[in-house]
PDB file of all heavy atoms in Angstrom:
ATOM      1  N   GLN A   1       0.837 118.492 -13.242  1.00  0.00           N
ATOM      2  CA  GLN A   1       1.196 117.519 -12.189  1.00  0.00           C
ATOM      3  C   GLN A   1       2.708 117.520 -11.971  1.00  0.00           C
ATOM      4  O   GLN A   1       3.183 117.506 -10.842  1.00  0.00           O
ATOM      5  CB  GLN A   1       0.733 116.153 -12.533  1.00  0.00           C
ATOM      6  CG  GLN A   1      -0.793 115.978 -12.528  1.00  0.00           C
ATOM      7  CD  GLN A   1      -1.168 114.625 -13.092  1.00  0.00           C
ATOM      8  OE1 GLN A   1      -0.680 114.166 -14.138  1.00  0.00           O
ATOM      9  NE2 GLN A   1      -2.109 113.954 -12.392  1.00  0.00           N
ATOM     10  N   ILE A   2       3.448 117.546 -13.070  1.00  0.00           N
ATOM     11  CA  ILE A   2       4.891 117.535 -13.007  1.00  0.00           C
ATOM     12  C   ILE A   2       5.378 118.855 -12.391  1.00  0.00           C
ATOM     13  O   ILE A   2       6.289 118.817 -11.537  1.00  0.00           O
ATOM     14  CB  ILE A   2       5.516 117.314 -14.370  1.00  0.00           C
ATOM     15  CG1 ILE A   2       5.149 115.869 -14.837  1.00  0.00           C
ATOM     16  CG2 ILE A   2       7.000 117.553 -14.384  1.00  0.00           C
ATOM     17  CD1 ILE A   2       5.486 115.568 -16.252  1.00  0.00           C
ATOM     18  N   ARG A   3       4.830 119.946 -12.793  1.00  0.00           N
ATOM     19  CA  ARG A   3       5.209 121.250 -12.214  1.00  0.00           C
ATOM     20  C   ARG A   3       4.981 121.253 -10.710  1.00  0.00           C
ATOM     21  O   ARG A   3       5.829 121.718  -9.931  1.00  0.00           O
ATOM     22  CB  ARG A   3       4.393 122.390 -12.825  1.00  0.00           C
ATOM     23  CG  ARG A   3       5.028 123.002 -14.056  1.00  0.00           C
ATOM     24  CD  ARG A   3       4.364 124.307 -14.482  1.00  0.00           C
ATOM     25  NE  ARG A   3       2.963 124.129 -14.831  1.00  0.00           N
ATOM     26  CZ  ARG A   3       2.509 123.719 -15.994  1.00  0.00           C
ATOM     27  NH1 ARG A   3       3.353 123.373 -16.952  1.00  0.00           N
ATOM     28  NH2 ARG A   3       1.223 123.593 -16.234  1.00  0.00           N
ATOM     29  N   LYS A   4       3.875 120.731 -10.278  1.00  0.00           N
ATOM     30  CA  LYS A   4       3.558 120.654  -8.848  1.00  0.00           C
ATOM     31  C   LYS A   4       4.555 119.812  -8.084  1.00  0.00           C
ATOM     32  O   LYS A   4       5.044 120.213  -7.018  1.00  0.00           O
ATOM     33  CB  LYS A   4       2.105 120.170  -8.613  1.00  0.00           C
ATOM     34  CG  LYS A   4       1.661 120.164  -7.213  1.00  0.00           C
ATOM     35  CD  LYS A   4       0.246 119.662  -7.095  1.00  0.00           C
ATOM     36  CE  LYS A   4      -0.185 119.598  -5.627  1.00  0.00           C
ATOM     37  NZ  LYS A   4      -1.545 119.022  -5.468  1.00  0.00           N
ATOM     38  N   ALA A   5       4.855 118.626  -8.631  1.00  0.00           N
ATOM     39  CA  ALA A   5       5.830 117.744  -7.983  1.00  0.00           C
ATOM     40  C   ALA A   5       7.199 118.357  -7.975  1.00  0.00           C
ATOM     41  O   ALA A   5       7.891 118.341  -6.913  1.00  0.00           O
ATOM     42  CB  ALA A   5       5.853 116.406  -8.698  1.00  0.00           C
ATOM     43  N   ALA A   6       7.600 118.971  -9.080  1.00  0.00           N
ATOM     44  CA  ALA A   6       8.922 119.605  -9.123  1.00  0.00           C
ATOM     45  C   ALA A   6       9.019 120.756  -8.163  1.00  0.00           C
ATOM     46  O   ALA A   6      10.027 120.876  -7.440  1.00  0.00           O
ATOM     47  CB  ALA A   6       9.183 120.094 -10.552  1.00  0.00           C
ATOM     48  N   LYS A   7       8.003 121.546  -8.071  1.00  0.00           N
ATOM     49  CA  LYS A   7       7.986 122.670  -7.154  1.00  0.00           C
ATOM     50  C   LYS A   7       8.126 122.197  -5.713  1.00  0.00           C
ATOM     51  O   LYS A   7       8.814 122.814  -4.890  1.00  0.00           O
ATOM     52  CB  LYS A   7       6.725 123.489  -7.328  1.00  0.00           C
ATOM     53  CG  LYS A   7       6.663 124.744  -6.462  1.00  0.00           C
ATOM     54  CD  LYS A   7       5.396 125.532  -6.673  1.00  0.00           C
ATOM     55  CE  LYS A   7       5.407 126.749  -5.791  1.00  0.00           C
ATOM     56  NZ  LYS A   7       4.165 127.504  -5.910  1.00  0.00           N
ATOM     57  N   ALA A   8       7.482 121.110  -5.372  1.00  0.00           N
ATOM     58  CA  ALA A   8       7.529 120.593  -4.026  1.00  0.00           C
ATOM     59  C   ALA A   8       8.981 120.213  -3.598  1.00  0.00           C
ATOM     60  O   ALA A   8       9.317 120.271  -2.443  1.00  0.00           O
ATOM     61  CB  ALA A   8       6.643 119.369  -3.865  1.00  0.00           C
ATOM     62  N   TYR A   9       9.820 119.913  -4.564  1.00  0.00           N
ATOM     63  CA  TYR A   9      11.217 119.534  -4.318  1.00  0.00           C
ATOM     64  C   TYR A   9      12.209 120.589  -4.700  1.00  0.00           C
ATOM     65  O   TYR A   9      13.402 120.427  -4.576  1.00  0.00           O
ATOM     66  CB  TYR A   9      11.522 118.219  -5.002  1.00  0.00           C
ATOM     67  CG  TYR A   9      10.820 117.054  -4.351  1.00  0.00           C
ATOM     68  CD1 TYR A   9       9.589 116.643  -4.857  1.00  0.00           C
ATOM     69  CD2 TYR A   9      11.346 116.402  -3.277  1.00  0.00           C
ATOM     70  CE1 TYR A   9       8.920 115.624  -4.241  1.00  0.00           C
ATOM     71  CE2 TYR A   9      10.705 115.359  -2.690  1.00  0.00           C
ATOM     72  CZ  TYR A   9       9.468 114.972  -3.166  1.00  0.00           C
ATOM     73  OH  TYR A   9       8.774 113.953  -2.528  1.00  0.00           O
ATOM     74  N   GLY A  10      11.693 121.740  -5.135  1.00  0.00           N
ATOM     75  CA  GLY A  10      12.601 122.818  -5.529  1.00  0.00           C
ATOM     76  C   GLY A  10      13.309 122.562  -6.813  1.00  0.00           C
ATOM     77  O   GLY A  10      14.368 123.140  -7.092  1.00  0.00           O
ATOM     78  N   VAL A  11      12.762 121.667  -7.672  1.00  0.00           N
ATOM     79  CA  VAL A  11      13.360 121.332  -8.937  1.00  0.00           C
ATOM     80  C   VAL A  11      13.059 122.447  -9.935  1.00  0.00           C
ATOM     81  O   VAL A  11      11.906 122.879 -10.051  1.00  0.00           O
ATOM     82  CB  VAL A  11      12.833 119.976  -9.464  1.00  0.00           C
ATOM     83  CG1 VAL A  11      13.296 119.709 -10.895  1.00  0.00           C
ATOM     84  CG2 VAL A  11      13.233 118.862  -8.525  1.00  0.00           C
ATOM     85  N   VAL A  12      14.069 122.902 -10.626  1.00  0.00           N
ATOM     86  CA  VAL A  12      13.932 123.916 -11.659  1.00  0.00           C
ATOM     87  C   VAL A  12      14.169 123.288 -12.982  1.00  0.00           C
ATOM     88  O   VAL A  12      15.152 122.530 -13.189  1.00  0.00           O
ATOM     89  CB  VAL A  12      14.927 125.083 -11.405  1.00  0.00           C
ATOM     90  CG1 VAL A  12      14.844 126.110 -12.485  1.00  0.00           C
ATOM     91  CG2 VAL A  12      14.755 125.663 -10.036  1.00  0.00           C
ATOM     92  N   TYR A  13      13.274 123.548 -13.940  1.00  0.00           N
ATOM     93  CA  TYR A  13      13.483 123.062 -15.278  1.00  0.00           C
ATOM     94  C   TYR A  13      12.810 123.994 -16.282  1.00  0.00           C
ATOM     95  O   TYR A  13      11.858 124.711 -15.952  1.00  0.00           O
ATOM     96  CB  TYR A  13      12.972 121.626 -15.466  1.00  0.00           C
ATOM     97  CG  TYR A  13      11.473 121.477 -15.320  1.00  0.00           C
ATOM     98  CD1 TYR A  13      10.636 121.432 -16.442  1.00  0.00           C
ATOM     99  CD2 TYR A  13      10.862 121.407 -14.051  1.00  0.00           C
ATOM    100  CE1 TYR A  13       9.264 121.327 -16.284  1.00  0.00           C
ATOM    101  CE2 TYR A  13       9.491 121.262 -13.918  1.00  0.00           C
ATOM    102  CZ  TYR A  13       8.705 121.210 -15.027  1.00  0.00           C
ATOM    103  OH  TYR A  13       7.347 121.079 -14.905  1.00  0.00           O
ATOM    104  N   GLU A  14      13.378 124.053 -17.477  1.00  0.00           N
ATOM    105  CA  GLU A  14      12.780 124.864 -18.526  1.00  0.00           C
ATOM    106  C   GLU A  14      13.123 124.248 -19.877  1.00  0.00           C
ATOM    107  O   GLU A  14      14.204 123.725 -20.105  1.00  0.00           O
ATOM    108  CB  GLU A  14      13.242 126.316 -18.459  1.00  0.00           C
ATOM    109  CG  GLU A  14      14.663 126.562 -18.878  1.00  0.00           C
ATOM    110  CD  GLU A  14      15.070 128.002 -18.926  1.00  0.00           C
ATOM    111  OE1 GLU A  14      14.209 128.841 -18.941  1.00  0.00           O
ATOM    112  OE2 GLU A  14      16.267 128.269 -18.945  1.00  0.00           O
ATOM    113  N   ARG A  15      12.161 124.340 -20.764  1.00  0.00           N
ATOM    114  CA  ARG A  15      12.310 123.890 -22.140  1.00  0.00           C
ATOM    115  C   ARG A  15      13.106 124.940 -22.877  1.00  0.00           C
ATOM    116  O   ARG A  15      12.836 126.143 -22.810  1.00  0.00           O
ATOM    117  CB  ARG A  15      10.925 123.706 -22.740  1.00  0.00           C
ATOM    118  CG  ARG A  15      10.946 123.102 -24.099  1.00  0.00           C
ATOM    119  CD  ARG A  15       9.496 122.834 -24.472  1.00  0.00           C
ATOM    120  NE  ARG A  15       9.387 122.487 -25.852  1.00  0.00           N
ATOM    121  CZ  ARG A  15       8.401 121.764 -26.400  1.00  0.00           C
ATOM    122  NH1 ARG A  15       7.424 121.348 -25.625  1.00  0.00           N
ATOM    123  NH2 ARG A  15       8.345 121.513 -27.651  1.00  0.00           N
ATOM    124  N   GLN A  16      14.118 124.469 -23.662  1.00  0.00           N
ATOM    125  CA  GLN A  16      14.936 125.383 -24.430  1.00  0.00           C
ATOM    126  C   GLN A  16      15.032 124.906 -25.870  1.00  0.00           C
ATOM    127  O   GLN A  16      15.393 123.744 -26.106  1.00  0.00           O
ATOM    128  CB  GLN A  16      16.348 125.512 -23.828  1.00  0.00           C
ATOM    129  CG  GLN A  16      17.223 126.464 -24.578  1.00  0.00           C
ATOM    130  CD  GLN A  16      18.582 126.597 -23.908  1.00  0.00           C
ATOM    131  OE1 GLN A  16      19.106 125.607 -23.402  1.00  0.00           O
ATOM    132  NE2 GLN A  16      19.122 127.793 -23.941  1.00  0.00           N
ATOM    133  N   LYS A  17      14.656 125.804 -26.787  1.00  0.00           N
ATOM    134  CA  LYS A  17      14.709 125.468 -28.200  1.00  0.00           C
ATOM    135  C   LYS A  17      16.135 125.202 -28.643  1.00  0.00           C
ATOM    136  O   LYS A  17      17.048 125.931 -28.280  1.00  0.00           O
ATOM    137  CB  LYS A  17      14.072 126.584 -29.003  1.00  0.00           C
ATOM    138  CG  LYS A  17      13.867 126.259 -30.467  1.00  0.00           C
ATOM    139  CD  LYS A  17      12.887 127.283 -31.079  1.00  0.00           C
ATOM    140  CE  LYS A  17      12.668 127.034 -32.519  1.00  0.00           C
ATOM    141  NZ  LYS A  17      12.155 125.753 -32.876  1.00  0.00           N
ATOM    142  N   GLN A  18      16.315 124.153 -29.426  1.00  0.00           N
ATOM    143  CA  GLN A  18      17.598 123.845 -30.015  1.00  0.00           C
ATOM    144  C   GLN A  18      17.642 124.463 -31.452  1.00  0.00           C
ATOM    145  O   GLN A  18      16.765 124.188 -32.226  1.00  0.00           O
ATOM    146  CB  GLN A  18      17.809 122.370 -30.117  1.00  0.00           C
ATOM    147  CG  GLN A  18      17.910 121.657 -28.803  1.00  0.00           C
ATOM    148  CD  GLN A  18      19.258 121.917 -28.139  1.00  0.00           C
ATOM    149  OE1 GLN A  18      19.509 123.003 -27.681  1.00  0.00           O
ATOM    150  NE2 GLN A  18      20.033 120.867 -28.083  1.00  0.00           N
ATOM    151  N   PRO A  19      18.638 125.209 -31.767  1.00  0.00           N
ATOM    152  CA  PRO A  19      18.675 125.860 -33.097  1.00  0.00           C
ATOM    153  C   PRO A  19      18.715 124.915 -34.249  1.00  0.00           C
ATOM    154  O   PRO A  19      18.172 125.203 -35.313  1.00  0.00           O
ATOM    155  CB  PRO A  19      19.936 126.732 -33.035  1.00  0.00           C
ATOM    156  CG  PRO A  19      20.737 126.193 -31.901  1.00  0.00           C
ATOM    157  CD  PRO A  19      19.815 125.502 -30.949  1.00  0.00           C
ATOM    158  N   ASN A  20      19.323 123.765 -34.087  1.00  0.00           N
ATOM    159  CA  ASN A  20      19.429 122.834 -35.250  1.00  0.00           C
ATOM    160  C   ASN A  20      18.696 121.525 -35.045  1.00  0.00           C
ATOM    161  O   ASN A  20      19.035 120.523 -35.630  1.00  0.00           O
ATOM    162  CB  ASN A  20      20.923 122.592 -35.527  1.00  0.00           C
ATOM    163  CG  ASN A  20      21.653 123.812 -35.910  1.00  0.00           C
ATOM    164  OD1 ASN A  20      21.126 124.646 -36.626  1.00  0.00           O
ATOM    165  ND2 ASN A  20      22.893 123.929 -35.462  1.00  0.00           N
ATOM    166  N   GLY A  21      17.707 121.512 -34.190  1.00  0.00           N
ATOM    167  CA  GLY A  21      16.958 120.306 -33.885  1.00  0.00           C
ATOM    168  C   GLY A  21      16.016 119.928 -35.012  1.00  0.00           C
ATOM    169  O   GLY A  21      15.668 120.736 -35.872  1.00  0.00           O
ATOM    170  N   ASP A  22      15.635 118.645 -35.012  1.00  0.00           N
ATOM    171  CA  ASP A  22      14.657 118.157 -35.994  1.00  0.00           C
ATOM    172  C   ASP A  22      13.286 118.708 -35.628  1.00  0.00           C
ATOM    173  O   ASP A  22      13.034 119.003 -34.506  1.00  0.00           O
ATOM    174  CB  ASP A  22      14.608 116.649 -35.975  1.00  0.00           C
ATOM    175  CG  ASP A  22      15.903 115.995 -36.378  1.00  0.00           C
ATOM    176  OD1 ASP A  22      16.667 116.604 -37.185  1.00  0.00           O
ATOM    177  OD2 ASP A  22      16.194 114.866 -35.895  1.00  0.00           O
ATOM    178  N   ALA A  23      12.397 118.818 -36.614  1.00  0.00           N
ATOM    179  CA  ALA A  23      11.044 119.269 -36.341  1.00  0.00           C
ATOM    180  C   ALA A  23      10.437 118.322 -35.325  1.00  0.00           C
ATOM    181  O   ALA A  23      10.492 117.107 -35.424  1.00  0.00           O
ATOM    182  CB  ALA A  23      10.268 119.264 -37.668  1.00  0.00           C
ATOM    183  N   GLY A  24       9.794 118.885 -34.346  1.00  0.00           N
ATOM    184  CA  GLY A  24       9.143 118.124 -33.302  1.00  0.00           C
ATOM    185  C   GLY A  24      10.048 117.701 -32.163  1.00  0.00           C
ATOM    186  O   GLY A  24       9.625 117.284 -31.103  1.00  0.00           O
ATOM    187  N   ASP A  25      11.352 117.714 -32.415  1.00  0.00           N
ATOM    188  CA  ASP A  25      12.310 117.313 -31.403  1.00  0.00           C
ATOM    189  C   ASP A  25      13.388 118.386 -31.318  1.00  0.00           C
ATOM    190  O   ASP A  25      14.555 118.126 -31.195  1.00  0.00           O
ATOM    191  CB  ASP A  25      12.928 115.970 -31.789  1.00  0.00           C
ATOM    192  CG  ASP A  25      13.647 115.283 -30.598  1.00  0.00           C
ATOM    193  OD1 ASP A  25      13.377 115.715 -29.462  1.00  0.00           O
ATOM    194  OD2 ASP A  25      14.502 114.451 -30.873  1.00  0.00           O
ATOM    195  N   ASP A  26      12.940 119.611 -31.463  1.00  0.00           N
ATOM    196  CA  ASP A  26      13.856 120.756 -31.546  1.00  0.00           C
ATOM    197  C   ASP A  26      14.078 121.460 -30.219  1.00  0.00           C
ATOM    198  O   ASP A  26      14.320 122.647 -30.155  1.00  0.00           O
ATOM    199  CB  ASP A  26      13.379 121.747 -32.578  1.00  0.00           C
ATOM    200  CG  ASP A  26      12.011 122.358 -32.213  1.00  0.00           C
ATOM    201  OD1 ASP A  26      11.362 121.807 -31.285  1.00  0.00           O
ATOM    202  OD2 ASP A  26      11.621 123.319 -32.831  1.00  0.00           O
ATOM    203  N   TYR A  27      13.994 120.685 -29.150  1.00  0.00           N
ATOM    204  CA  TYR A  27      14.201 121.314 -27.817  1.00  0.00           C
ATOM    205  C   TYR A  27      14.941 120.359 -26.871  1.00  0.00           C
ATOM    206  O   TYR A  27      15.042 119.160 -27.104  1.00  0.00           O
ATOM    207  CB  TYR A  27      12.871 121.715 -27.195  1.00  0.00           C
ATOM    208  CG  TYR A  27      11.961 120.590 -26.802  1.00  0.00           C
ATOM    209  CD1 TYR A  27      12.000 120.046 -25.539  1.00  0.00           C
ATOM    210  CD2 TYR A  27      11.058 120.012 -27.714  1.00  0.00           C
ATOM    211  CE1 TYR A  27      11.149 118.997 -25.148  1.00  0.00           C
ATOM    212  CE2 TYR A  27      10.217 119.002 -27.393  1.00  0.00           C
ATOM    213  CZ  TYR A  27      10.288 118.476 -26.104  1.00  0.00           C
ATOM    214  OH  TYR A  27       9.455 117.429 -25.765  1.00  0.00           O
ATOM    215  N   THR A  28      15.478 120.951 -25.843  1.00  0.00           N
ATOM    216  CA  THR A  28      16.064 120.188 -24.740  1.00  0.00           C
ATOM    217  C   THR A  28      15.441 120.756 -23.480  1.00  0.00           C
ATOM    218  O   THR A  28      14.663 121.693 -23.531  1.00  0.00           O
ATOM    219  CB  THR A  28      17.602 120.331 -24.731  1.00  0.00           C
ATOM    220  OG1 THR A  28      18.106 119.348 -23.775  1.00  0.00           O
ATOM    221  CG2 THR A  28      18.075 121.711 -24.432  1.00  0.00           C
ATOM    222  N   ILE A  29      15.728 120.151 -22.362  1.00  0.00           N
ATOM    223  CA  ILE A  29      15.211 120.642 -21.089  1.00  0.00           C
ATOM    224  C   ILE A  29      16.430 120.907 -20.185  1.00  0.00           C
ATOM    225  O   ILE A  29      17.217 120.001 -19.893  1.00  0.00           O
ATOM    226  CB  ILE A  29      14.294 119.596 -20.445  1.00  0.00           C
ATOM    227  CG1 ILE A  29      13.226 119.088 -21.361  1.00  0.00           C
ATOM    228  CG2 ILE A  29      13.761 120.148 -19.110  1.00  0.00           C
ATOM    229  CD1 ILE A  29      11.958 119.824 -21.383  1.00  0.00           C
ATOM    230  N   ASN A  30      16.553 122.146 -19.814  1.00  0.00           N
ATOM    231  CA  ASN A  30      17.560 122.452 -18.775  1.00  0.00           C
ATOM    232  C   ASN A  30      16.924 122.178 -17.424  1.00  0.00           C
ATOM    233  O   ASN A  30      15.760 122.600 -17.192  1.00  0.00           O
ATOM    234  CB  ASN A  30      17.972 123.921 -18.852  1.00  0.00           C
ATOM    235  CG  ASN A  30      18.707 124.244 -20.144  1.00  0.00           C
ATOM    236  OD1 ASN A  30      19.416 123.407 -20.657  1.00  0.00           O
ATOM    237  ND2 ASN A  30      18.604 125.468 -20.620  1.00  0.00           N
ATOM    238  N   HIS A  31      17.600 121.464 -16.570  1.00  0.00           N
ATOM    239  CA  HIS A  31      17.009 121.095 -15.285  1.00  0.00           C
ATOM    240  C   HIS A  31      18.045 120.957 -14.211  1.00  0.00           C
ATOM    241  O   HIS A  31      19.207 120.694 -14.449  1.00  0.00           O
ATOM    242  CB  HIS A  31      16.199 119.787 -15.406  1.00  0.00           C
ATOM    243  CG  HIS A  31      17.026 118.602 -15.777  1.00  0.00           C
ATOM    244  ND1 HIS A  31      17.610 117.791 -14.832  1.00  0.00           N
ATOM    245  CD2 HIS A  31      17.400 118.122 -17.004  1.00  0.00           C
ATOM    246  CE1 HIS A  31      18.269 116.811 -15.455  1.00  0.00           C
ATOM    247  NE2 HIS A  31      18.191 116.998 -16.745  1.00  0.00           N
ATOM    248  N   SER A  32      17.603 121.150 -12.976  1.00  0.00           N
ATOM    249  CA  SER A  32      18.478 120.929 -11.845  1.00  0.00           C
ATOM    250  C   SER A  32      18.700 119.400 -11.685  1.00  0.00           C
ATOM    251  O   SER A  32      17.864 118.596 -12.128  1.00  0.00           O
ATOM    252  CB  SER A  32      17.895 121.490 -10.556  1.00  0.00           C
ATOM    253  OG  SER A  32      16.564 121.131 -10.351  1.00  0.00           O
ATOM    254  N   ALA A  33      19.810 119.006 -11.115  1.00  0.00           N
ATOM    255  CA  ALA A  33      20.191 117.637 -11.054  1.00  0.00           C
ATOM    256  C   ALA A  33      20.504 117.222  -9.628  1.00  0.00           C
ATOM    257  O   ALA A  33      21.665 117.211  -9.207  1.00  0.00           O
ATOM    258  CB  ALA A  33      21.371 117.352 -11.966  1.00  0.00           C
ATOM    259  N   TYR A  34      19.475 116.914  -8.877  1.00  0.00           N
ATOM    260  CA  TYR A  34      19.630 116.488  -7.516  1.00  0.00           C
ATOM    261  C   TYR A  34      18.990 115.132  -7.282  1.00  0.00           C
ATOM    262  O   TYR A  34      18.100 114.747  -8.009  1.00  0.00           O
ATOM    263  CB  TYR A  34      18.955 117.498  -6.541  1.00  0.00           C
ATOM    264  CG  TYR A  34      19.649 118.842  -6.540  1.00  0.00           C
ATOM    265  CD1 TYR A  34      19.089 119.881  -7.292  1.00  0.00           C
ATOM    266  CD2 TYR A  34      20.829 119.063  -5.838  1.00  0.00           C
ATOM    267  CE1 TYR A  34      19.695 121.138  -7.302  1.00  0.00           C
ATOM    268  CE2 TYR A  34      21.439 120.296  -5.866  1.00  0.00           C
ATOM    269  CZ  TYR A  34      20.889 121.320  -6.586  1.00  0.00           C
ATOM    270  OH  TYR A  34      21.479 122.543  -6.577  1.00  0.00           O
ATOM    271  N   LEU A  35      19.453 114.478  -6.266  1.00  0.00           N
ATOM    272  CA  LEU A  35      18.857 113.190  -5.853  1.00  0.00           C
ATOM    273  C   LEU A  35      18.259 113.424  -4.471  1.00  0.00           C
ATOM    274  O   LEU A  35      18.970 113.830  -3.554  1.00  0.00           O
ATOM    275  CB  LEU A  35      19.921 112.078  -5.793  1.00  0.00           C
ATOM    276  CG  LEU A  35      19.425 110.735  -5.291  1.00  0.00           C
ATOM    277  CD1 LEU A  35      18.413 110.116  -6.291  1.00  0.00           C
ATOM    278  CD2 LEU A  35      20.600 109.795  -5.084  1.00  0.00           C
ATOM    279  N   TYR A  36      16.985 113.172  -4.317  1.00  0.00           N
ATOM    280  CA  TYR A  36      16.290 113.406  -3.079  1.00  0.00           C
ATOM    281  C   TYR A  36      16.066 112.040  -2.385  1.00  0.00           C
ATOM    282  O   TYR A  36      15.625 111.086  -3.015  1.00  0.00           O
ATOM    283  CB  TYR A  36      14.931 114.033  -3.303  1.00  0.00           C
ATOM    284  CG  TYR A  36      15.102 115.352  -4.057  1.00  0.00           C
ATOM    285  CD1 TYR A  36      15.070 115.335  -5.497  1.00  0.00           C
ATOM    286  CD2 TYR A  36      15.280 116.548  -3.436  1.00  0.00           C
ATOM    287  CE1 TYR A  36      15.239 116.526  -6.194  1.00  0.00           C
ATOM    288  CE2 TYR A  36      15.450 117.718  -4.124  1.00  0.00           C
ATOM    289  CZ  TYR A  36      15.430 117.722  -5.479  1.00  0.00           C
ATOM    290  OH  TYR A  36      15.613 118.880  -6.162  1.00  0.00           O
ATOM    291  N   VAL A  37      16.453 111.971  -1.103  1.00  0.00           N
ATOM    292  CA  VAL A  37      16.285 110.731  -0.350  1.00  0.00           C
ATOM    293  C   VAL A  37      15.125 110.946   0.622  1.00  0.00           C
ATOM    294  O   VAL A  37      15.110 111.882   1.431  1.00  0.00           O
ATOM    295  CB  VAL A  37      17.558 110.420   0.462  1.00  0.00           C
ATOM    296  CG1 VAL A  37      17.389 109.126   1.223  1.00  0.00           C
ATOM    297  CG2 VAL A  37      18.808 110.366  -0.476  1.00  0.00           C
ATOM    298  N   ILE A  38      14.095 110.101   0.449  1.00  0.00           N
ATOM    299  CA  ILE A  38      12.899 110.170   1.279  1.00  0.00           C
ATOM    300  C   ILE A  38      12.827 108.904   2.079  1.00  0.00           C
ATOM    301  O   ILE A  38      12.863 107.793   1.527  1.00  0.00           O
ATOM    302  CB  ILE A  38      11.666 110.330   0.389  1.00  0.00           C
ATOM    303  CG1 ILE A  38      11.853 111.636  -0.428  1.00  0.00           C
ATOM    304  CG2 ILE A  38      10.374 110.417   1.211  1.00  0.00           C
ATOM    305  CD1 ILE A  38      11.261 111.574  -1.788  1.00  0.00           C
ATOM    306  N   GLY A  39      12.696 109.077   3.378  1.00  0.00           N
ATOM    307  CA  GLY A  39      12.692 107.910   4.270  1.00  0.00           C
ATOM    308  C   GLY A  39      11.448 107.102   4.188  1.00  0.00           C
ATOM    309  O   GLY A  39      10.415 107.489   3.625  1.00  0.00           O
TER     310      GLY A  39
END
């Protein structure tokens, strides 16, 4: 559902492993940073 919504707005995101992260929380998300205004 999130992929579909993001695609509709041209949002790009990807999960990226963190080399020194804690187990289970060893990633971040690289993402585009836009604000969409919908009337």
